[in-house]
Amino acid sequence: MNQAIQFPDRERWNEDLCAVVFPALVNGMQLTCAIKGEALAHRFGGDTPATWLAFFREHRWDLEEEAEQAIREEQEDSQGWFWLS
């Protein structure tokens, strides 16, 4: 599957999901990607949404690469979201 995937810098903390949510643009279509705060804590440490968002931004390239792989492998959930673990 040959797709142009871009990740705009529009990540945000979603309190209801306890996750960092970030968009991906695939051939002009917007998809939603996310990673739970607890997954960020397990990987990088921290114990607050502000630190998890900071860690997301610090490790953005690696996390976007994982999201790109999930998109290429069509690993969306029932809502069409791509979750990193």
PDB file of N, CA and C in Angstrom:
ATOM      1  N   MET A   1       0.849  -1.160   0.000  1.00  0.00           N
ATOM      2  CA  MET A   1       0.000   0.000   0.000  1.00  0.00           C
ATOM      3  C   MET A   1       0.903   1.235   0.000  1.00  0.00           C
ATOM      4  N   ASN A   2       0.856   2.016  -1.054  1.00  0.00           N
ATOM      5  CA  ASN A   2       1.695   3.207  -1.186  1.00  0.00           C
ATOM      6  C   ASN A   2       0.897   4.424  -0.734  1.00  0.00           C
ATOM      7  N   GLN A   3       1.198   4.901   0.478  1.00  0.00           N
ATOM      8  CA  GLN A   3       0.453   6.012   1.039  1.00  0.00           C
ATOM      9  C   GLN A   3       1.401   7.126   1.469  1.00  0.00           C
ATOM     10  N   ALA A   4       0.967   8.355   1.277  1.00  0.00           N
ATOM     11  CA  ALA A   4       1.688   9.504   1.819  1.00  0.00           C
ATOM     12  C   ALA A   4       1.092   9.798   3.187  1.00  0.00           C
ATOM     13  N   ILE A   5       1.883   9.623   4.243  1.00  0.00           N
ATOM     14  CA  ILE A   5       1.393   9.813   5.609  1.00  0.00           C
ATOM     15  C   ILE A   5       2.125  10.986   6.239  1.00  0.00           C
ATOM     16  N   GLN A   6       1.354  11.939   6.752  1.00  0.00           N
ATOM     17  CA  GLN A   6       1.919  13.105   7.425  1.00  0.00           C
ATOM     18  C   GLN A   6       1.302  13.217   8.812  1.00  0.00           C
ATOM     19  N   PHE A   7       2.078  13.787   9.729  1.00  0.00           N
ATOM     20  CA  PHE A   7       1.614  13.972  11.102  1.00  0.00           C
ATOM     21  C   PHE A   7       1.727  15.443  11.475  1.00  0.00           C
ATOM     22  N   PRO A   8       0.628  16.195  11.398  1.00  0.00           N
ATOM     23  CA  PRO A   8       0.664  17.602  11.816  1.00  0.00           C
ATOM     24  C   PRO A   8       0.929  17.695  13.323  1.00  0.00           C
ATOM     25  N   ASP A   9       1.539  18.769  13.749  1.00  0.00           N
ATOM     26  CA  ASP A   9       1.835  18.994  15.172  1.00  0.00           C
ATOM     27  C   ASP A   9       0.585  19.494  15.896  1.00  0.00           C
ATOM     28  N   ARG A  10      -0.403  18.612  16.043  1.00  0.00           N
ATOM     29  CA  ARG A  10      -1.663  18.991  16.700  1.00  0.00           C
ATOM     30  C   ARG A  10      -2.062  17.964  17.754  1.00  0.00           C
ATOM     31  N   GLU A  11      -1.066  17.446  18.459  1.00  0.00           N
ATOM     32  CA  GLU A  11      -1.363  16.491  19.515  1.00  0.00           C
ATOM     33  C   GLU A  11      -2.034  17.195  20.690  1.00  0.00           C
ATOM     34  N   ARG A  12      -2.830  16.448  21.430  1.00  0.00           N
ATOM     35  CA  ARG A  12      -3.515  17.017  22.598  1.00  0.00           C
ATOM     36  C   ARG A  12      -3.773  15.908  23.599  1.00  0.00           C
ATOM     37  N   TRP A  13      -3.924  16.304  24.842  1.00  0.00           N
ATOM     38  CA  TRP A  13      -4.275  15.357  25.890  1.00  0.00           C
ATOM     39  C   TRP A  13      -5.792  15.238  25.935  1.00  0.00           C
ATOM     40  N   ASN A  14      -6.312  14.020  25.885  1.00  0.00           N
ATOM     41  CA  ASN A  14      -7.746  13.776  25.995  1.00  0.00           C
ATOM     42  C   ASN A  14      -8.005  13.190  27.379  1.00  0.00           C
ATOM     43  N   GLU A  15      -8.600  13.993  28.230  1.00  0.00           N
ATOM     44  CA  GLU A  15      -8.839  13.601  29.631  1.00  0.00           C
ATOM     45  C   GLU A  15      -9.761  12.389  29.720  1.00  0.00           C
ATOM     46  N   ASP A  16     -10.800  12.336  28.891  1.00  0.00           N
ATOM     47  CA  ASP A  16     -11.757  11.227  28.938  1.00  0.00           C
ATOM     48  C   ASP A  16     -11.094   9.887  28.608  1.00  0.00           C
ATOM     49  N   LEU A  17     -10.166   9.896  27.668  1.00  0.00           N
ATOM     50  CA  LEU A  17      -9.479   8.670  27.254  1.00  0.00           C
ATOM     51  C   LEU A  17      -8.176   8.429  28.007  1.00  0.00           C
ATOM     52  N   CYS A  18      -7.718   9.450  28.755  1.00  0.00           N
ATOM     53  CA  CYS A  18      -6.403   9.390  29.427  1.00  0.00           C
ATOM     54  C   CYS A  18      -5.323   9.030  28.417  1.00  0.00           C
ATOM     55  N   ALA A  19      -5.322   9.785  27.308  1.00  0.00           N
ATOM     56  CA  ALA A  19      -4.415   9.478  26.211  1.00  0.00           C
ATOM     57  C   ALA A  19      -4.014  10.746  25.461  1.00  0.00           C
ATOM     58  N   VAL A  20      -2.843  10.680  24.837  1.00  0.00           N
ATOM     59  CA  VAL A  20      -2.439  11.702  23.879  1.00  0.00           C
ATOM     60  C   VAL A  20      -3.050  11.287  22.541  1.00  0.00           C
ATOM     61  N   VAL A  21      -3.790  12.192  21.945  1.00  0.00           N
ATOM     62  CA  VAL A  21      -4.452  11.950  20.667  1.00  0.00           C
ATOM     63  C   VAL A  21      -3.780  12.846  19.631  1.00  0.00           C
ATOM     64  N   PHE A  22      -3.480  12.267  18.462  1.00  0.00           N
ATOM     65  CA  PHE A  22      -2.816  13.048  17.428  1.00  0.00           C
ATOM     66  C   PHE A  22      -3.299  12.610  16.043  1.00  0.00           C
ATOM     67  N   PRO A  23      -3.385  13.573  15.110  1.00  0.00           N
ATOM     68  CA  PRO A  23      -3.896  13.249  13.779  1.00  0.00           C
ATOM     69  C   PRO A  23      -2.800  12.729  12.849  1.00  0.00           C
ATOM     70  N   ALA A  24      -3.256  11.985  11.870  1.00  0.00           N
ATOM     71  CA  ALA A  24      -2.407  11.563  10.760  1.00  0.00           C
ATOM     72  C   ALA A  24      -3.173  11.883   9.483  1.00  0.00           C
ATOM     73  N   LEU A  25      -2.480  12.416   8.506  1.00  0.00           N
ATOM     74  CA  LEU A  25      -3.093  12.688   7.207  1.00  0.00           C
ATOM     75  C   LEU A  25      -2.572  11.658   6.220  1.00  0.00           C
ATOM     76  N   VAL A  26      -3.497  10.883   5.649  1.00  0.00           N
ATOM     77  CA  VAL A  26      -3.142   9.838   4.700  1.00  0.00           C
ATOM     78  C   VAL A  26      -3.805  10.180   3.377  1.00  0.00           C
ATOM     79  N   ASN A  27      -2.990  10.598   2.428  1.00  0.00           N
ATOM     80  CA  ASN A  27      -3.507  11.018   1.123  1.00  0.00           C
ATOM     81  C   ASN A  27      -4.638  12.025   1.272  1.00  0.00           C
ATOM     82  N   GLY A  28      -4.465  12.963   2.209  1.00  0.00           N
ATOM     83  CA  GLY A  28      -5.430  14.030   2.426  1.00  0.00           C
ATOM     84  C   GLY A  28      -6.559  13.685   3.378  1.00  0.00           C
ATOM     85  N   MET A  29      -6.693  12.427   3.763  1.00  0.00           N
ATOM     86  CA  MET A  29      -7.760  12.008   4.684  1.00  0.00           C
ATOM     87  C   MET A  29      -7.210  11.995   6.112  1.00  0.00           C
ATOM     88  N   GLN A  30      -7.956  12.594   7.055  1.00  0.00           N
ATOM     89  CA  GLN A  30      -7.483  12.638   8.441  1.00  0.00           C
ATOM     90  C   GLN A  30      -7.892  11.394   9.204  1.00  0.00           C
ATOM     91  N   LEU A  31      -6.901  10.772   9.842  1.00  0.00           N
ATOM     92  CA  LEU A  31      -7.114   9.630  10.726  1.00  0.00           C
ATOM     93  C   LEU A  31      -6.723  10.051  12.132  1.00  0.00           C
ATOM     94  N   THR A  32      -7.154   9.283  13.116  1.00  0.00           N
ATOM     95  CA  THR A  32      -6.828   9.594  14.496  1.00  0.00           C
ATOM     96  C   THR A  32      -5.966   8.498  15.088  1.00  0.00           C
ATOM     97  N   CYS A  33      -4.868   8.923  15.729  1.00  0.00           N
ATOM     98  CA  CYS A  33      -3.959   8.016  16.420  1.00  0.00           C
ATOM     99  C   CYS A  33      -3.937   8.416  17.892  1.00  0.00           C
ATOM    100  N   ALA A  34      -3.588   7.471  18.753  1.00  0.00           N
ATOM    101  CA  ALA A  34      -3.550   7.770  20.179  1.00  0.00           C
ATOM    102  C   ALA A  34      -2.623   6.811  20.904  1.00  0.00           C
ATOM    103  N   ILE A  35      -2.163   7.271  22.068  1.00  0.00           N
ATOM    104  CA  ILE A  35      -1.396   6.429  22.977  1.00  0.00           C
ATOM    105  C   ILE A  35      -1.805   6.793  24.397  1.00  0.00           C
ATOM    106  N   LYS A  36      -2.114   5.790  25.197  1.00  0.00           N
ATOM    107  CA  LYS A  36      -2.557   6.001  26.581  1.00  0.00           C
ATOM    108  C   LYS A  36      -1.430   6.589  27.421  1.00  0.00           C
ATOM    109  N   GLY A  37      -1.812   7.370  28.413  1.00  0.00           N
ATOM    110  CA  GLY A  37      -0.841   7.922  29.345  1.00  0.00           C
ATOM    111  C   GLY A  37      -0.058   6.833  30.049  1.00  0.00           C
ATOM    112  N   GLU A  38      -0.729   5.736  30.405  1.00  0.00           N
ATOM    113  CA  GLU A  38      -0.032   4.647  31.093  1.00  0.00           C
ATOM    114  C   GLU A  38       1.021   3.996  30.196  1.00  0.00           C
ATOM    115  N   ALA A  39       0.782   3.948  28.883  1.00  0.00           N
ATOM    116  CA  ALA A  39       1.791   3.415  27.967  1.00  0.00           C
ATOM    117  C   ALA A  39       2.994   4.358  27.901  1.00  0.00           C
ATOM    118  N   LEU A  40       2.731   5.668  27.885  1.00  0.00           N
ATOM    119  CA  LEU A  40       3.822   6.640  27.903  1.00  0.00           C
ATOM    120  C   LEU A  40       4.598   6.556  29.207  1.00  0.00           C
ATOM    121  N   ALA A  41       3.881   6.377  30.331  1.00  0.00           N
ATOM    122  CA  ALA A  41       4.538   6.252  31.632  1.00  0.00           C
ATOM    123  C   ALA A  41       5.417   5.012  31.664  1.00  0.00           C
ATOM    124  N   HIS A  42       4.927   3.919  31.107  1.00  0.00           N
ATOM    125  CA  HIS A  42       5.699   2.679  31.077  1.00  0.00           C
ATOM    126  C   HIS A  42       6.973   2.849  30.245  1.00  0.00           C
ATOM    127  N   ARG A  43       6.873   3.544  29.127  1.00  0.00           N
ATOM    128  CA  ARG A  43       8.027   3.737  28.238  1.00  0.00           C
ATOM    129  C   ARG A  43       9.014   4.770  28.745  1.00  0.00           C
ATOM    130  N   PHE A  44       8.482   5.914  29.220  1.00  0.00           N
ATOM    131  CA  PHE A  44       9.350   7.064  29.462  1.00  0.00           C
ATOM    132  C   PHE A  44       9.318   7.594  30.895  1.00  0.00           C
ATOM    133  N   GLY A  45       8.349   7.159  31.691  1.00  0.00           N
ATOM    134  CA  GLY A  45       8.218   7.664  33.056  1.00  0.00           C
ATOM    135  C   GLY A  45       7.143   8.734  33.127  1.00  0.00           C
ATOM    136  N   GLY A  46       7.177   9.487  34.205  1.00  0.00           N
ATOM    137  CA  GLY A  46       6.201  10.553  34.403  1.00  0.00           C
ATOM    138  C   GLY A  46       4.925  10.040  35.038  1.00  0.00           C
ATOM    139  N   ASP A  47       4.184  10.974  35.627  1.00  0.00           N
ATOM    140  CA  ASP A  47       2.949  10.563  36.287  1.00  0.00           C
ATOM    141  C   ASP A  47       1.821  11.571  36.145  1.00  0.00           C
ATOM    142  N   THR A  48       1.969  12.508  35.204  1.00  0.00           N
ATOM    143  CA  THR A  48       0.908  13.485  34.964  1.00  0.00           C
ATOM    144  C   THR A  48       0.710  13.673  33.463  1.00  0.00           C
ATOM    145  N   PRO A  49      -0.476  14.101  33.062  1.00  0.00           N
ATOM    146  CA  PRO A  49      -0.714  14.373  31.642  1.00  0.00           C
ATOM    147  C   PRO A  49       0.293  15.351  31.045  1.00  0.00           C
ATOM    148  N   ALA A  50       0.704  16.354  31.810  1.00  0.00           N
ATOM    149  CA  ALA A  50       1.663  17.333  31.277  1.00  0.00           C
ATOM    150  C   ALA A  50       3.002  16.668  30.958  1.00  0.00           C
ATOM    151  N   THR A  51       3.461  15.757  31.822  1.00  0.00           N
ATOM    152  CA  THR A  51       4.741  15.088  31.537  1.00  0.00           C
ATOM    153  C   THR A  51       4.585  14.115  30.384  1.00  0.00           C
ATOM    154  N   TRP A  52       3.448  13.434  30.296  1.00  0.00           N
ATOM    155  CA  TRP A  52       3.251  12.484  29.194  1.00  0.00           C
ATOM    156  C   TRP A  52       3.187  13.207  27.856  1.00  0.00           C
ATOM    157  N   LEU A  53       2.542  14.352  27.832  1.00  0.00           N
ATOM    158  CA  LEU A  53       2.493  15.139  26.603  1.00  0.00           C
ATOM    159  C   LEU A  53       3.896  15.623  26.229  1.00  0.00           C
ATOM    160  N   ALA A  54       4.675  16.026  27.226  1.00  0.00           N
ATOM    161  CA  ALA A  54       6.058  16.452  26.978  1.00  0.00           C
ATOM    162  C   ALA A  54       6.884  15.280  26.447  1.00  0.00           C
ATOM    163  N   PHE A  55       6.713  14.092  27.031  1.00  0.00           N
ATOM    164  CA  PHE A  55       7.440  12.913  26.546  1.00  0.00           C
ATOM    165  C   PHE A  55       7.004  12.550  25.132  1.00  0.00           C
ATOM    166  N   PHE A  56       5.713  12.689  24.845  1.00  0.00           N
ATOM    167  CA  PHE A  56       5.244  12.437  23.481  1.00  0.00           C
ATOM    168  C   PHE A  56       5.978  13.361  22.501  1.00  0.00           C
ATOM    169  N   ARG A  57       6.043  14.633  22.835  1.00  0.00           N
ATOM    170  CA  ARG A  57       6.693  15.600  21.952  1.00  0.00           C
ATOM    171  C   ARG A  57       8.184  15.310  21.806  1.00  0.00           C
ATOM    172  N   GLU A  58       8.808  14.891  22.891  1.00  0.00           N
ATOM    173  CA  GLU A  58      10.241  14.581  22.856  1.00  0.00           C
ATOM    174  C   GLU A  58      10.535  13.356  21.985  1.00  0.00           C
ATOM    175  N   HIS A  59       9.628  12.393  21.994  1.00  0.00           N
ATOM    176  CA  HIS A  59       9.831  11.134  21.263  1.00  0.00           C
ATOM    177  C   HIS A  59       8.900  11.015  20.054  1.00  0.00           C
ATOM    178  N   ARG A  60       8.451  12.170  19.589  1.00  0.00           N
ATOM    179  CA  ARG A  60       7.482  12.245  18.498  1.00  0.00           C
ATOM    180  C   ARG A  60       7.873  11.400  17.285  1.00  0.00           C
ATOM    181  N   TRP A  61       9.123  11.498  16.831  1.00  0.00           N
ATOM    182  CA  TRP A  61       9.515  10.812  15.590  1.00  0.00           C
ATOM    183  C   TRP A  61       9.350   9.302  15.720  1.00  0.00           C
ATOM    184  N   ASP A  62       9.772   8.744  16.844  1.00  0.00           N
ATOM    185  CA  ASP A  62       9.638   7.303  17.042  1.00  0.00           C
ATOM    186  C   ASP A  62       8.169   6.884  17.135  1.00  0.00           C
ATOM    187  N   LEU A  63       7.381   7.655  17.855  1.00  0.00           N
ATOM    188  CA  LEU A  63       5.965   7.330  18.009  1.00  0.00           C
ATOM    189  C   LEU A  63       5.216   7.473  16.686  1.00  0.00           C
ATOM    190  N   GLU A  64       5.559   8.480  15.908  1.00  0.00           N
ATOM    191  CA  GLU A  64       4.918   8.641  14.596  1.00  0.00           C
ATOM    192  C   GLU A  64       5.309   7.497  13.666  1.00  0.00           C
ATOM    193  N   GLU A  65       6.528   7.010  13.799  1.00  0.00           N
ATOM    194  CA  GLU A  65       6.953   5.865  12.989  1.00  0.00           C
ATOM    195  C   GLU A  65       6.122   4.626  13.343  1.00  0.00           C
ATOM    196  N   GLU A  66       5.867   4.422  14.635  1.00  0.00           N
ATOM    197  CA  GLU A  66       5.006   3.316  15.058  1.00  0.00           C
ATOM    198  C   GLU A  66       3.586   3.489  14.522  1.00  0.00           C
ATOM    199  N   ALA A  67       3.071   4.707  14.593  1.00  0.00           N
ATOM    200  CA  ALA A  67       1.729   4.978  14.080  1.00  0.00           C
ATOM    201  C   ALA A  67       1.671   4.736  12.572  1.00  0.00           C
ATOM    202  N   GLU A  68       2.709   5.152  11.866  1.00  0.00           N
ATOM    203  CA  GLU A  68       2.757   4.929  10.417  1.00  0.00           C
ATOM    204  C   GLU A  68       2.698   3.437  10.105  1.00  0.00           C
ATOM    205  N   GLN A  69       3.428   2.638  10.873  1.00  0.00           N
ATOM    206  CA  GLN A  69       3.409   1.190  10.668  1.00  0.00           C
ATOM    207  C   GLN A  69       2.015   0.624  10.934  1.00  0.00           C
ATOM    208  N   ALA A  70       1.356   1.082  11.995  1.00  0.00           N
ATOM    209  CA  ALA A  70       0.000   0.620  12.308  1.00  0.00           C
ATOM    210  C   ALA A  70      -0.972   0.984  11.192  1.00  0.00           C
ATOM    211  N   ILE A  71      -0.808   2.186  10.632  1.00  0.00           N
ATOM    212  CA  ILE A  71      -1.676   2.619   9.531  1.00  0.00           C
ATOM    213  C   ILE A  71      -1.428   1.754   8.299  1.00  0.00           C
ATOM    214  N   ARG A  72      -0.174   1.538   7.978  1.00  0.00           N
ATOM    215  CA  ARG A  72       0.156   0.706   6.804  1.00  0.00           C
ATOM    216  C   ARG A  72      -0.368  -0.718   6.952  1.00  0.00           C
ATOM    217  N   GLU A  73      -0.380  -1.212   8.199  1.00  0.00           N
ATOM    218  CA  GLU A  73      -0.866  -2.572   8.450  1.00  0.00           C
ATOM    219  C   GLU A  73      -2.370  -2.607   8.747  1.00  0.00           C
ATOM    220  N   GLU A  74      -3.020  -1.437   8.621  1.00  0.00           N
ATOM    221  CA  GLU A  74      -4.466  -1.312   8.792  1.00  0.00           C
ATOM    222  C   GLU A  74      -4.929  -1.865  10.137  1.00  0.00           C
ATOM    223  N   GLN A  75      -4.268  -1.443  11.219  1.00  0.00           N
ATOM    224  CA  GLN A  75      -4.554  -1.933  12.561  1.00  0.00           C
ATOM    225  C   GLN A  75      -5.489  -1.002  13.336  1.00  0.00           C
ATOM    226  N   GLU A  76      -6.504  -0.472  12.670  1.00  0.00           N
ATOM    227  CA  GLU A  76      -7.439   0.414  13.358  1.00  0.00           C
ATOM    228  C   GLU A  76      -8.396  -0.383  14.227  1.00  0.00           C
ATOM    229  N   ASP A  77      -8.921   0.303  15.271  1.00  0.00           N
ATOM    230  CA  ASP A  77      -9.910  -0.343  16.132  1.00  0.00           C
ATOM    231  C   ASP A  77     -11.294  -0.207  15.499  1.00  0.00           C
ATOM    232  N   SER A  78     -12.318  -0.594  16.219  1.00  0.00           N
ATOM    233  CA  SER A  78     -13.686  -0.568  15.670  1.00  0.00           C
ATOM    234  C   SER A  78     -14.176   0.850  15.385  1.00  0.00           C
ATOM    235  N   GLN A  79     -13.535   1.859  16.000  1.00  0.00           N
ATOM    236  CA  GLN A  79     -13.895   3.257  15.768  1.00  0.00           C
ATOM    237  C   GLN A  79     -13.041   3.895  14.661  1.00  0.00           C
ATOM    238  N   GLY A  80     -12.100   3.134  14.114  1.00  0.00           N
ATOM    239  CA  GLY A  80     -11.217   3.664  13.079  1.00  0.00           C
ATOM    240  C   GLY A  80      -9.981   4.368  13.607  1.00  0.00           C
ATOM    241  N   TRP A  81      -9.705   4.217  14.910  1.00  0.00           N
ATOM    242  CA  TRP A  81      -8.538   4.831  15.532  1.00  0.00           C
ATOM    243  C   TRP A  81      -7.367   3.868  15.520  1.00  0.00           C
ATOM    244  N   PHE A  82      -6.164   4.437  15.514  1.00  0.00           N
ATOM    245  CA  PHE A  82      -4.937   3.660  15.570  1.00  0.00           C
ATOM    246  C   PHE A  82      -4.270   3.896  16.921  1.00  0.00           C
ATOM    247  N   TRP A  83      -4.233   2.858  17.760  1.00  0.00           N
ATOM    248  CA  TRP A  83      -3.708   2.957  19.127  1.00  0.00           C
ATOM    249  C   TRP A  83      -2.303   2.377  19.185  1.00  0.00           C
ATOM    250  N   LEU A  84      -1.396   3.122  19.792  1.00  0.00           N
ATOM    251  CA  LEU A  84      -0.058   2.613  20.069  1.00  0.00           C
ATOM    252  C   LEU A  84      -0.082   1.990  21.452  1.00  0.00           C
ATOM    253  N   SER A  85       0.678   0.923  21.630  1.00  0.00           N
ATOM    254  CA  SER A  85       0.688   0.277  22.946  1.00  0.00           C
ATOM    255  C   SER A  85       2.027   0.499  23.641  1.00  0.00           C
TER     256      SER A  85
END
